[in-house]
Amino acid sequence: MSSLTRYDNSIWRPIKTSTKPPPENPPIRKHTPSPGPRAHSNQEKADLFAEYLVDVFTPNDDTVDRAVSKYLDTDLASTPNIRMLTPKQMETETSRLRTRKAPGIDHVSPLMLKELSCKGIVLLTYLFNAILRLQYWPKQLKIAEIILIPKPGKNPQRCIII
């Protein structure tokens, strides 16, 4: 206590920040040919964002994905010759992942995949080879959680969904 000075804010800074009420999110509106009504409540904002994302993204289909089809030698009409992945290829691909990416809905981060043991790499190779062999990409791997974050330096009062 004796080392504290009159201008030392080390004690008050944590108290001041914890007593401030959280800032309210500003209302948003849908940008149509004529601007629509503003959404004020969190539920209205969530509905507006959900409506926008439904328009932008397409639903999953049960056809073979491009990610799977690039490993098939021929088209799907004939019997494909599937090139199976090797653990070495899987290790190379996981080492190329960018670690600053967010984890998926399964909470597996790129850093976790990069630090897999040899046994983990082999099991992951089995999993992806089964996806290729069956030509079926599980729907659980097609689900994404989207979190909208305002850009720094942009005025949140001017949030308009186009």
Protein backbone atom coordinates (compact mmCIF):
# COMPACT_ATOMS: atom_id res chain seq x y z
CA MET A 1 0.00 0.00 0.00
CA SER A 2 2.85 2.40 0.78
CA SER A 3 4.13 2.18 -2.81
CA LEU A 4 0.82 3.42 -4.22
CA THR A 5 0.58 7.01 -5.32
CA ARG A 6 -2.35 9.29 -5.79
CA TYR A 7 -2.25 8.77 -9.55
CA ASP A 8 -1.86 4.99 -9.49
CA ASN A 9 -5.02 3.47 -10.99
CA SER A 10 -4.06 -0.16 -10.49
CA ILE A 11 -6.69 -0.66 -7.79
CA TRP A 12 -9.55 1.23 -9.42
CA ARG A 13 -9.12 0.13 -13.03
CA PRO A 14 -10.52 -3.43 -12.50
CA ILE A 15 -13.35 -2.10 -10.33
CA LYS A 16 -14.36 0.59 -12.83
CA THR A 17 -14.47 -1.83 -15.76
CA SER A 18 -16.52 -4.39 -13.86
CA THR A 19 -19.15 -1.88 -12.72
CA LYS A 20 -19.86 -0.45 -16.17
CA PRO A 21 -23.03 -1.77 -17.80
CA PRO A 22 -22.36 -3.71 -20.99
CA PRO A 23 -22.85 -1.56 -24.10
CA GLU A 24 -26.08 -2.14 -25.95
CA ASN A 25 -25.89 -3.38 -29.49
CA PRO A 26 -27.29 -0.78 -31.87
CA PRO A 27 -30.36 -1.58 -33.96
CA ILE A 28 -29.85 -2.92 -37.48
CA ARG A 29 -32.03 -2.84 -40.56
CA LYS A 30 -32.37 -4.81 -43.74
CA HIS A 31 -31.30 -2.92 -46.83
CA THR A 32 -33.94 -3.49 -49.47
CA PRO A 33 -34.94 -1.13 -52.31
CA SER A 34 -36.48 0.94 -49.54
CA PRO A 35 -34.84 0.52 -46.11
CA GLY A 36 -36.84 -1.80 -43.91
CA PRO A 37 -37.76 -1.39 -40.26
CA ARG A 38 -35.03 -1.53 -37.65
CA ALA A 39 -34.50 -4.64 -35.53
CA HIS A 40 -34.01 -3.66 -31.88
CA SER A 41 -34.27 -6.83 -29.80
CA ASN A 42 -31.66 -9.56 -29.88
CA GLN A 43 -34.26 -12.00 -31.23
CA GLU A 44 -35.17 -9.65 -34.11
CA LYS A 45 -31.47 -9.18 -34.94
CA ALA A 46 -30.83 -12.92 -34.87
CA ASP A 47 -33.83 -13.52 -37.14
CA LEU A 48 -32.59 -10.86 -39.56
CA PHE A 49 -29.08 -12.34 -39.69
CA ALA A 50 -30.51 -15.86 -40.08
CA GLU A 51 -32.73 -14.70 -42.96
CA TYR A 52 -29.70 -13.10 -44.64
CA LEU A 53 -27.50 -16.19 -44.19
CA VAL A 54 -30.24 -18.45 -45.58
CA ASP A 55 -30.30 -16.30 -48.72
CA VAL A 56 -26.50 -16.36 -49.08
CA PHE A 57 -25.67 -20.00 -48.31
CA THR A 58 -27.08 -23.05 -50.03
CA PRO A 59 -28.22 -26.11 -48.08
CA ASN A 60 -26.22 -29.31 -48.03
CA ASP A 61 -27.02 -31.91 -50.62
CA ASP A 62 -26.27 -35.61 -50.65
CA THR A 63 -24.18 -35.59 -53.83
CA VAL A 64 -20.46 -36.23 -53.78
CA ASP A 65 -18.59 -33.10 -52.76
CA ARG A 66 -15.81 -31.51 -54.77
CA ALA A 67 -13.53 -32.21 -51.81
CA VAL A 68 -14.18 -35.93 -52.20
CA SER A 69 -14.44 -36.01 -56.00
CA LYS A 70 -10.91 -34.66 -56.51
CA TYR A 71 -9.60 -37.99 -55.17
CA LEU A 72 -11.67 -40.03 -57.63
CA ASP A 73 -9.97 -40.95 -60.91
CA THR A 74 -13.16 -41.20 -62.98
CA ASP A 75 -16.66 -39.76 -62.92
CA LEU A 76 -19.32 -41.27 -60.68
CA ALA A 77 -21.22 -42.95 -63.54
CA SER A 78 -18.61 -45.66 -63.82
CA THR A 79 -16.89 -47.52 -61.04
CA PRO A 80 -14.31 -45.09 -59.70
CA ASN A 81 -10.74 -46.01 -58.94
CA ILE A 82 -10.21 -44.44 -55.57
CA ARG A 83 -6.74 -43.33 -54.63
CA MET A 84 -6.50 -43.99 -50.92
CA LEU A 85 -4.66 -41.54 -48.72
CA THR A 86 -1.54 -42.60 -46.90
CA PRO A 87 -0.67 -41.54 -43.36
CA LYS A 88 2.26 -39.57 -44.80
CA GLN A 89 -0.11 -37.60 -47.07
CA MET A 90 -2.44 -36.99 -44.11
CA GLU A 91 0.45 -35.76 -42.00
CA THR A 92 1.54 -33.42 -44.81
CA GLU A 93 -1.97 -32.02 -45.21
CA THR A 94 -2.47 -31.47 -41.48
CA SER A 95 0.90 -29.73 -41.22
CA ARG A 96 -0.24 -27.25 -43.90
CA LEU A 97 -3.29 -26.15 -41.88
CA ARG A 98 -3.29 -22.56 -40.64
CA THR A 99 -3.31 -22.58 -36.85
CA ARG A 100 -5.13 -19.26 -36.46
CA LYS A 101 -8.37 -20.66 -37.89
CA ALA A 102 -11.33 -21.23 -35.61
CA PRO A 103 -12.30 -24.78 -34.65
CA GLY A 104 -15.38 -26.32 -36.19
CA ILE A 105 -18.59 -27.33 -34.46
CA ASP A 106 -16.73 -30.41 -33.21
CA HIS A 107 -14.26 -28.09 -31.37
CA VAL A 108 -11.26 -29.68 -33.12
CA SER A 109 -8.77 -26.93 -33.86
CA PRO A 110 -6.09 -27.02 -36.57
CA LEU A 111 -3.46 -26.99 -33.83
CA MET A 112 -4.93 -30.20 -32.38
CA LEU A 113 -4.73 -31.87 -35.80
CA LYS A 114 -1.14 -30.69 -36.26
CA GLU A 115 -0.11 -32.20 -32.93
CA LEU A 116 -1.69 -35.62 -33.47
CA SER A 117 0.46 -38.61 -32.65
CA CYS A 118 1.31 -41.22 -35.28
CA LYS A 119 -1.60 -43.37 -34.10
CA GLY A 120 -3.96 -40.38 -34.40
CA ILE A 121 -2.75 -39.70 -37.95
CA VAL A 122 -3.39 -43.34 -38.88
CA LEU A 123 -6.92 -43.23 -37.42
CA LEU A 124 -7.67 -39.95 -39.22
CA THR A 125 -6.40 -41.57 -42.44
CA TYR A 126 -8.80 -44.50 -41.91
CA LEU A 127 -11.66 -42.06 -41.42
CA PHE A 128 -10.94 -40.06 -44.60
CA ASN A 129 -10.33 -43.22 -46.64
CA ALA A 130 -13.76 -44.51 -45.52
CA ILE A 131 -15.29 -41.20 -46.68
CA LEU A 132 -13.61 -41.63 -50.06
CA ARG A 133 -14.47 -45.33 -50.36
CA LEU A 134 -18.15 -44.79 -49.49
CA GLN A 135 -18.31 -41.51 -51.44
CA TYR A 136 -20.30 -40.04 -48.59
CA TRP A 137 -19.38 -36.90 -46.69
CA PRO A 138 -21.16 -36.99 -43.28
CA LYS A 139 -23.61 -34.16 -42.70
CA GLN A 140 -22.03 -33.46 -39.31
CA LEU A 141 -18.89 -32.33 -41.15
CA LYS A 142 -20.95 -29.93 -43.27
CA ILE A 143 -22.33 -27.97 -40.31
CA ALA A 144 -20.78 -24.64 -39.43
CA GLU A 145 -21.35 -22.21 -36.61
CA ILE A 146 -21.21 -18.64 -37.87
CA ILE A 147 -20.39 -15.85 -35.44
CA LEU A 148 -20.76 -12.35 -36.81
CA ILE A 149 -18.14 -9.93 -35.46
CA PRO A 150 -18.20 -6.22 -36.30
CA LYS A 151 -15.07 -4.90 -37.99
CA PRO A 152 -12.85 -2.68 -35.86
CA GLY A 153 -12.99 0.97 -36.82
CA LYS A 154 -16.44 0.62 -38.41
CA ASN A 155 -19.42 2.38 -36.90
CA PRO A 156 -21.75 -0.32 -35.47
CA GLN A 157 -24.64 2.13 -35.77
CA ARG A 158 -24.40 1.78 -39.56
CA CYS A 159 -24.85 -2.01 -39.64
CA ILE A 160 -27.03 -2.75 -42.68
CA ILE A 161 -27.73 -6.19 -44.10
CA ILE A 162 -27.66 -6.03 -47.87
